[in-house]
């Protein structure tokens, strides 16, 4: 079965950086787009970024453009989220997600993602 395992979260001061990783298994990783979402306490899960199966197309929520970068290494079955200039409002649990269909760019639609990791906590202190 498909498994997604996030890592790399932690506590960081405002202005700092973190790189999240999501290791995928259970299917041919290079055939599937991937996405990152986050959920802050008391808030709904929201889209962060997505990347297509080959890695040559990315999409971000407008408010995070320029600070966050999504990338992937298909040889390592891993998708990354580089987060720079972190702010306290970036504090959330971050989830990676994958769609059910291959060669389908799910973009920002949460409902299009069938597989989710367990999440990794990112806490940004002021």
N, C-alpha and C. Protein backbone atom coordinates (compact mmCIF):
# COMPACT_ATOMS: atom_id res chain seq x y z
N UNK A 1 0.84 -1.18 0.00
CA UNK A 1 0.00 0.00 0.00
C UNK A 1 0.88 1.24 0.00
N UNK A 2 0.28 2.33 -0.38
CA UNK A 2 1.02 3.59 -0.45
C UNK A 2 1.30 4.10 0.96
N UNK A 3 2.54 4.46 1.19
CA UNK A 3 2.93 5.06 2.47
C UNK A 3 3.70 6.33 2.22
N UNK A 4 3.40 7.34 3.01
CA UNK A 4 4.09 8.62 2.96
C UNK A 4 4.56 8.94 4.37
N UNK A 5 5.84 9.21 4.51
CA UNK A 5 6.41 9.47 5.83
C UNK A 5 7.18 10.78 5.80
N UNK A 6 6.67 11.75 6.56
CA UNK A 6 7.33 13.06 6.63
C UNK A 6 8.39 13.07 7.72
N UNK A 7 9.36 13.95 7.53
CA UNK A 7 10.38 14.19 8.54
C UNK A 7 10.94 15.59 8.34
N UNK A 8 11.69 16.05 9.33
CA UNK A 8 12.37 17.33 9.22
C UNK A 8 11.74 18.48 9.97
N UNK A 9 10.60 18.24 10.58
CA UNK A 9 9.99 19.31 11.37
C UNK A 9 10.77 19.57 12.64
N UNK A 10 10.36 20.63 13.34
CA UNK A 10 11.01 20.96 14.60
C UNK A 10 10.71 22.37 15.03
N UNK A 11 11.50 22.82 16.00
CA UNK A 11 11.36 24.17 16.54
C UNK A 11 12.44 25.06 15.94
N UNK A 12 12.04 26.20 15.41
CA UNK A 12 12.99 27.12 14.80
C UNK A 12 12.59 28.55 15.15
N UNK A 13 13.57 29.42 15.23
CA UNK A 13 13.27 30.83 15.50
C UNK A 13 12.78 31.52 14.23
N UNK A 14 12.02 32.56 14.42
CA UNK A 14 11.55 33.35 13.28
C UNK A 14 12.75 33.81 12.45
N UNK A 15 12.59 33.71 11.14
CA UNK A 15 13.68 34.04 10.22
C UNK A 15 14.53 32.86 9.83
N UNK A 16 14.35 31.74 10.52
CA UNK A 16 15.13 30.55 10.24
C UNK A 16 14.56 29.74 9.09
N UNK A 17 15.19 28.59 8.85
CA UNK A 17 14.81 27.72 7.74
C UNK A 17 14.67 26.28 8.22
N UNK A 18 13.85 25.55 7.51
CA UNK A 18 13.72 24.11 7.70
C UNK A 18 13.50 23.47 6.35
N UNK A 19 13.94 22.23 6.21
CA UNK A 19 13.61 21.46 5.02
C UNK A 19 12.88 20.20 5.44
N UNK A 20 11.67 20.08 4.97
CA UNK A 20 10.87 18.89 5.22
C UNK A 20 11.08 17.88 4.11
N UNK A 21 11.04 16.61 4.48
CA UNK A 21 11.14 15.52 3.51
C UNK A 21 9.93 14.62 3.65
N UNK A 22 9.57 14.01 2.55
CA UNK A 22 8.48 13.04 2.55
C UNK A 22 8.91 11.86 1.70
N UNK A 23 9.13 10.73 2.35
CA UNK A 23 9.54 9.51 1.67
C UNK A 23 8.30 8.70 1.31
N UNK A 24 8.22 8.33 0.04
CA UNK A 24 7.05 7.59 -0.46
C UNK A 24 7.42 6.16 -0.81
N UNK A 25 6.47 5.27 -0.63
CA UNK A 25 6.67 3.88 -1.01
C UNK A 25 5.32 3.28 -1.40
N UNK A 26 5.39 2.14 -2.09
CA UNK A 26 4.17 1.42 -2.42
C UNK A 26 3.68 1.59 -3.84
N UNK A 27 4.29 2.49 -4.58
CA UNK A 27 3.94 2.64 -5.99
C UNK A 27 5.08 3.37 -6.70
N UNK A 28 4.98 3.50 -8.01
CA UNK A 28 6.04 4.14 -8.80
C UNK A 28 5.97 5.65 -8.60
N UNK A 29 6.83 6.13 -7.74
CA UNK A 29 6.80 7.53 -7.30
C UNK A 29 6.82 8.50 -8.47
N UNK A 30 7.62 8.23 -9.48
CA UNK A 30 7.81 9.17 -10.59
C UNK A 30 6.59 9.31 -11.48
N UNK A 31 5.54 8.54 -11.22
CA UNK A 31 4.32 8.64 -12.02
C UNK A 31 3.27 9.56 -11.38
N UNK A 32 3.57 10.10 -10.20
CA UNK A 32 2.54 10.81 -9.44
C UNK A 32 2.99 12.19 -9.01
N UNK A 33 2.08 13.16 -9.15
CA UNK A 33 2.29 14.47 -8.56
C UNK A 33 2.26 14.33 -7.03
N UNK A 34 2.78 15.35 -6.36
CA UNK A 34 2.77 15.35 -4.90
C UNK A 34 2.42 16.75 -4.41
N UNK A 35 1.93 16.81 -3.19
CA UNK A 35 1.58 18.10 -2.62
C UNK A 35 1.96 18.18 -1.15
N UNK A 36 2.07 19.41 -0.68
CA UNK A 36 2.24 19.70 0.75
C UNK A 36 1.07 20.55 1.22
N UNK A 37 0.57 20.19 2.40
CA UNK A 37 -0.48 20.95 3.05
C UNK A 37 -0.05 21.22 4.48
N UNK A 38 -0.77 22.11 5.16
CA UNK A 38 -0.49 22.36 6.57
C UNK A 38 -1.78 22.64 7.31
N UNK A 39 -1.74 22.39 8.61
CA UNK A 39 -2.90 22.63 9.45
C UNK A 39 -2.45 23.21 10.78
N UNK A 40 -2.87 24.44 11.02
CA UNK A 40 -2.57 25.11 12.28
C UNK A 40 -3.67 24.78 13.29
N UNK A 41 -3.38 24.90 14.58
CA UNK A 41 -4.39 24.61 15.60
C UNK A 41 -5.66 25.42 15.39
N UNK A 42 -6.81 24.74 15.38
CA UNK A 42 -8.08 25.43 15.25
C UNK A 42 -8.42 25.88 13.85
N UNK A 43 -7.58 25.52 12.88
CA UNK A 43 -7.82 25.96 11.50
C UNK A 43 -7.96 24.75 10.58
N UNK A 44 -8.53 25.01 9.40
CA UNK A 44 -8.65 23.95 8.42
C UNK A 44 -7.30 23.66 7.75
N UNK A 45 -7.19 22.47 7.21
CA UNK A 45 -5.98 22.12 6.46
C UNK A 45 -5.95 22.96 5.19
N UNK A 46 -4.78 23.52 4.89
CA UNK A 46 -4.66 24.39 3.74
C UNK A 46 -3.52 23.97 2.83
N UNK A 47 -3.68 24.27 1.56
CA UNK A 47 -2.69 23.96 0.55
C UNK A 47 -1.44 24.81 0.71
N UNK A 48 -0.28 24.18 0.51
CA UNK A 48 0.99 24.90 0.54
C UNK A 48 1.62 24.92 -0.85
N UNK A 49 1.88 23.73 -1.39
CA UNK A 49 2.58 23.66 -2.68
C UNK A 49 2.34 22.30 -3.31
N UNK A 50 2.51 22.25 -4.64
CA UNK A 50 2.39 21.00 -5.36
C UNK A 50 3.44 20.94 -6.46
N UNK A 51 3.76 19.73 -6.86
CA UNK A 51 4.75 19.52 -7.90
C UNK A 51 4.27 18.37 -8.78
N UNK A 52 4.54 18.48 -10.08
CA UNK A 52 4.07 17.41 -10.96
C UNK A 52 5.02 16.21 -10.89
N UNK A 53 4.72 15.16 -11.62
CA UNK A 53 5.44 13.90 -11.50
C UNK A 53 6.90 13.99 -11.92
N UNK A 54 7.21 14.86 -12.87
CA UNK A 54 8.59 14.97 -13.35
C UNK A 54 9.37 16.05 -12.62
N UNK A 55 8.68 16.91 -11.89
CA UNK A 55 9.35 17.95 -11.13
C UNK A 55 9.57 19.24 -11.88
N UNK A 56 9.07 19.34 -13.11
CA UNK A 56 9.32 20.55 -13.89
C UNK A 56 8.17 21.54 -13.84
N UNK A 57 7.19 21.27 -13.02
CA UNK A 57 6.08 22.21 -12.82
C UNK A 57 5.72 22.25 -11.35
N UNK A 58 5.66 23.45 -10.79
CA UNK A 58 5.32 23.63 -9.39
C UNK A 58 4.21 24.68 -9.25
N UNK A 59 3.55 24.63 -8.12
CA UNK A 59 2.42 25.53 -7.87
C UNK A 59 2.39 25.82 -6.38
N UNK A 60 2.20 27.10 -6.04
CA UNK A 60 2.24 27.51 -4.64
C UNK A 60 1.01 28.35 -4.29
N UNK A 61 0.64 28.29 -3.03
CA UNK A 61 -0.34 29.25 -2.57
C UNK A 61 0.32 30.62 -2.59
N UNK A 62 -0.42 31.63 -2.98
CA UNK A 62 0.17 32.95 -3.25
C UNK A 62 0.96 33.50 -2.07
N UNK A 63 0.46 33.30 -0.88
CA UNK A 63 1.07 33.93 0.30
C UNK A 63 2.44 33.36 0.63
N UNK A 64 2.78 32.20 0.07
CA UNK A 64 4.05 31.56 0.41
C UNK A 64 5.07 31.61 -0.72
N UNK A 65 4.68 32.13 -1.85
CA UNK A 65 5.62 32.23 -2.97
C UNK A 65 6.83 33.04 -2.57
N UNK A 66 8.00 32.53 -2.94
CA UNK A 66 9.24 33.23 -2.63
C UNK A 66 9.89 32.80 -1.34
N UNK A 67 9.13 32.21 -0.43
CA UNK A 67 9.71 31.73 0.83
C UNK A 67 9.80 30.20 0.86
N UNK A 68 8.85 29.52 0.26
CA UNK A 68 8.82 28.06 0.27
C UNK A 68 9.13 27.53 -1.14
N UNK A 69 9.84 26.41 -1.19
CA UNK A 69 10.16 25.77 -2.46
C UNK A 69 9.91 24.27 -2.36
N UNK A 70 9.12 23.76 -3.28
CA UNK A 70 8.87 22.33 -3.35
C UNK A 70 9.77 21.74 -4.42
N UNK A 71 10.30 20.54 -4.15
CA UNK A 71 11.13 19.84 -5.13
C UNK A 71 10.98 18.35 -4.90
N UNK A 72 11.53 17.57 -5.80
CA UNK A 72 11.46 16.13 -5.65
C UNK A 72 12.69 15.48 -6.24
N UNK A 73 12.99 14.30 -5.70
CA UNK A 73 14.06 13.46 -6.22
C UNK A 73 13.45 12.11 -6.50
N UNK A 74 13.16 11.86 -7.76
CA UNK A 74 12.47 10.60 -8.10
C UNK A 74 13.36 9.38 -7.88
N UNK A 75 14.66 9.56 -7.92
CA UNK A 75 15.56 8.44 -7.66
C UNK A 75 15.51 8.02 -6.18
N UNK A 76 15.14 8.96 -5.32
CA UNK A 76 15.05 8.68 -3.88
C UNK A 76 13.61 8.55 -3.40
N UNK A 77 12.65 8.65 -4.32
CA UNK A 77 11.23 8.56 -3.95
C UNK A 77 10.87 9.55 -2.85
N UNK A 78 11.37 10.75 -2.98
CA UNK A 78 11.21 11.74 -1.92
C UNK A 78 10.82 13.10 -2.49
N UNK A 79 9.91 13.76 -1.79
CA UNK A 79 9.54 15.14 -2.11
C UNK A 79 9.96 16.01 -0.93
N UNK A 80 10.37 17.21 -1.24
CA UNK A 80 10.91 18.12 -0.22
C UNK A 80 10.10 19.42 -0.20
N UNK A 81 10.18 20.07 0.98
CA UNK A 81 9.65 21.42 1.10
C UNK A 81 10.69 22.25 1.85
N UNK A 82 11.36 23.12 1.12
CA UNK A 82 12.32 24.04 1.72
C UNK A 82 11.58 25.27 2.18
N UNK A 83 11.71 25.60 3.46
CA UNK A 83 10.99 26.74 4.04
C UNK A 83 12.00 27.73 4.59
N UNK A 84 12.00 28.93 4.05
CA UNK A 84 12.92 29.97 4.45
C UNK A 84 12.16 31.15 5.07
N UNK A 85 12.89 31.98 5.78
CA UNK A 85 12.31 33.18 6.40
C UNK A 85 11.03 32.84 7.15
N UNK A 86 11.11 31.83 7.97
CA UNK A 86 9.92 31.35 8.66
C UNK A 86 9.37 32.38 9.63
N UNK A 87 8.05 32.35 9.75
CA UNK A 87 7.33 33.28 10.60
C UNK A 87 6.51 32.50 11.63
N UNK A 88 6.18 33.09 12.75
CA UNK A 88 5.35 32.37 13.73
C UNK A 88 4.05 31.85 13.13
N UNK A 89 3.49 32.54 12.18
CA UNK A 89 2.23 32.09 11.56
C UNK A 89 2.41 30.88 10.65
N UNK A 90 3.66 30.45 10.43
CA UNK A 90 3.90 29.22 9.70
C UNK A 90 3.81 28.00 10.61
N UNK A 91 3.64 28.22 11.89
CA UNK A 91 3.52 27.12 12.84
C UNK A 91 2.30 26.27 12.50
N UNK A 92 2.53 24.97 12.29
CA UNK A 92 1.46 24.06 11.88
C UNK A 92 2.02 22.65 11.80
N UNK A 93 1.11 21.70 11.64
CA UNK A 93 1.52 20.35 11.24
C UNK A 93 1.52 20.33 9.71
N UNK A 94 2.62 19.87 9.15
CA UNK A 94 2.77 19.84 7.70
C UNK A 94 2.61 18.40 7.21
N UNK A 95 1.80 18.25 6.17
CA UNK A 95 1.49 16.95 5.60
C UNK A 95 1.88 16.89 4.14
N UNK A 96 2.45 15.76 3.74
CA UNK A 96 2.59 15.53 2.30
C UNK A 96 1.43 14.64 1.86
N UNK A 97 1.11 14.74 0.58
CA UNK A 97 -0.05 14.03 0.07
C UNK A 97 0.17 13.64 -1.39
N UNK A 98 -0.48 12.56 -1.79
CA UNK A 98 -0.39 12.10 -3.16
C UNK A 98 -1.76 11.78 -3.73
N UNK A 99 -1.96 12.03 -5.01
CA UNK A 99 -3.25 11.74 -5.63
C UNK A 99 -3.40 10.25 -5.93
N UNK A 100 -4.64 9.83 -6.20
CA UNK A 100 -4.87 8.43 -6.53
C UNK A 100 -4.44 8.14 -7.97
N UNK A 101 -4.65 9.12 -8.86
CA UNK A 101 -4.39 8.90 -10.28
C UNK A 101 -2.96 9.26 -10.65
N UNK A 102 -2.38 8.46 -11.52
CA UNK A 102 -1.06 8.78 -12.04
C UNK A 102 -1.17 9.85 -13.12
N UNK A 103 -0.08 10.56 -13.31
CA UNK A 103 0.01 11.61 -14.32
C UNK A 103 -1.17 12.58 -14.23
N UNK A 104 -1.57 12.89 -13.01
CA UNK A 104 -2.67 13.82 -12.75
C UNK A 104 -2.17 14.87 -11.78
N UNK A 105 -2.25 16.12 -12.21
CA UNK A 105 -1.72 17.22 -11.41
C UNK A 105 -2.86 17.75 -10.54
N UNK A 106 -2.83 17.37 -9.28
CA UNK A 106 -3.94 17.66 -8.38
C UNK A 106 -3.99 19.13 -7.96
N UNK A 107 -2.84 19.79 -8.02
CA UNK A 107 -2.83 21.18 -7.65
C UNK A 107 -3.20 21.41 -6.20
N UNK A 108 -4.08 22.37 -5.95
CA UNK A 108 -4.40 22.78 -4.59
C UNK A 108 -5.64 22.11 -4.01
N UNK A 109 -6.28 21.24 -4.77
CA UNK A 109 -7.54 20.67 -4.31
C UNK A 109 -7.30 19.53 -3.32
N UNK A 110 -7.61 19.77 -2.07
CA UNK A 110 -7.39 18.78 -1.02
C UNK A 110 -8.14 17.48 -1.34
N UNK A 111 -9.32 17.59 -1.90
CA UNK A 111 -10.15 16.42 -2.18
C UNK A 111 -9.55 15.51 -3.24
N UNK A 112 -8.59 16.01 -4.01
CA UNK A 112 -7.98 15.22 -5.08
C UNK A 112 -6.84 14.36 -4.56
N UNK A 113 -6.50 14.51 -3.31
CA UNK A 113 -5.38 13.76 -2.74
C UNK A 113 -5.93 12.59 -1.91
N UNK A 114 -5.51 11.38 -2.27
CA UNK A 114 -6.04 10.19 -1.62
C UNK A 114 -5.14 9.66 -0.51
N UNK A 115 -3.87 10.01 -0.57
CA UNK A 115 -2.90 9.44 0.37
C UNK A 115 -2.22 10.56 1.14
N UNK A 116 -2.09 10.34 2.45
CA UNK A 116 -1.55 11.36 3.35
C UNK A 116 -0.53 10.76 4.29
N UNK A 117 0.48 11.55 4.61
CA UNK A 117 1.40 11.16 5.65
C UNK A 117 0.83 11.46 7.02
N UNK A 118 1.61 11.15 8.04
CA UNK A 118 1.15 11.35 9.41
C UNK A 118 1.36 12.78 9.89
N UNK A 119 2.14 13.53 9.14
CA UNK A 119 2.39 14.92 9.49
C UNK A 119 3.65 15.11 10.31
N UNK A 120 4.23 16.28 10.19
CA UNK A 120 5.40 16.66 10.99
C UNK A 120 5.18 18.07 11.53
N UNK A 121 5.45 18.25 12.81
CA UNK A 121 5.18 19.53 13.47
C UNK A 121 6.29 20.53 13.17
N UNK A 122 5.88 21.71 12.78
CA UNK A 122 6.80 22.84 12.61
C UNK A 122 6.34 23.93 13.56
N UNK A 123 7.24 24.36 14.43
CA UNK A 123 6.93 25.42 15.37
C UNK A 123 7.94 26.54 15.20
N UNK A 124 7.44 27.74 14.95
CA UNK A 124 8.31 28.90 14.74
C UNK A 124 8.11 29.85 15.90
N UNK A 125 9.17 30.10 16.64
CA UNK A 125 9.09 30.98 17.80
C UNK A 125 9.45 32.41 17.41
N UNK A 126 8.83 33.36 18.10
CA UNK A 126 9.07 34.77 17.78
C UNK A 126 10.22 35.33 18.58
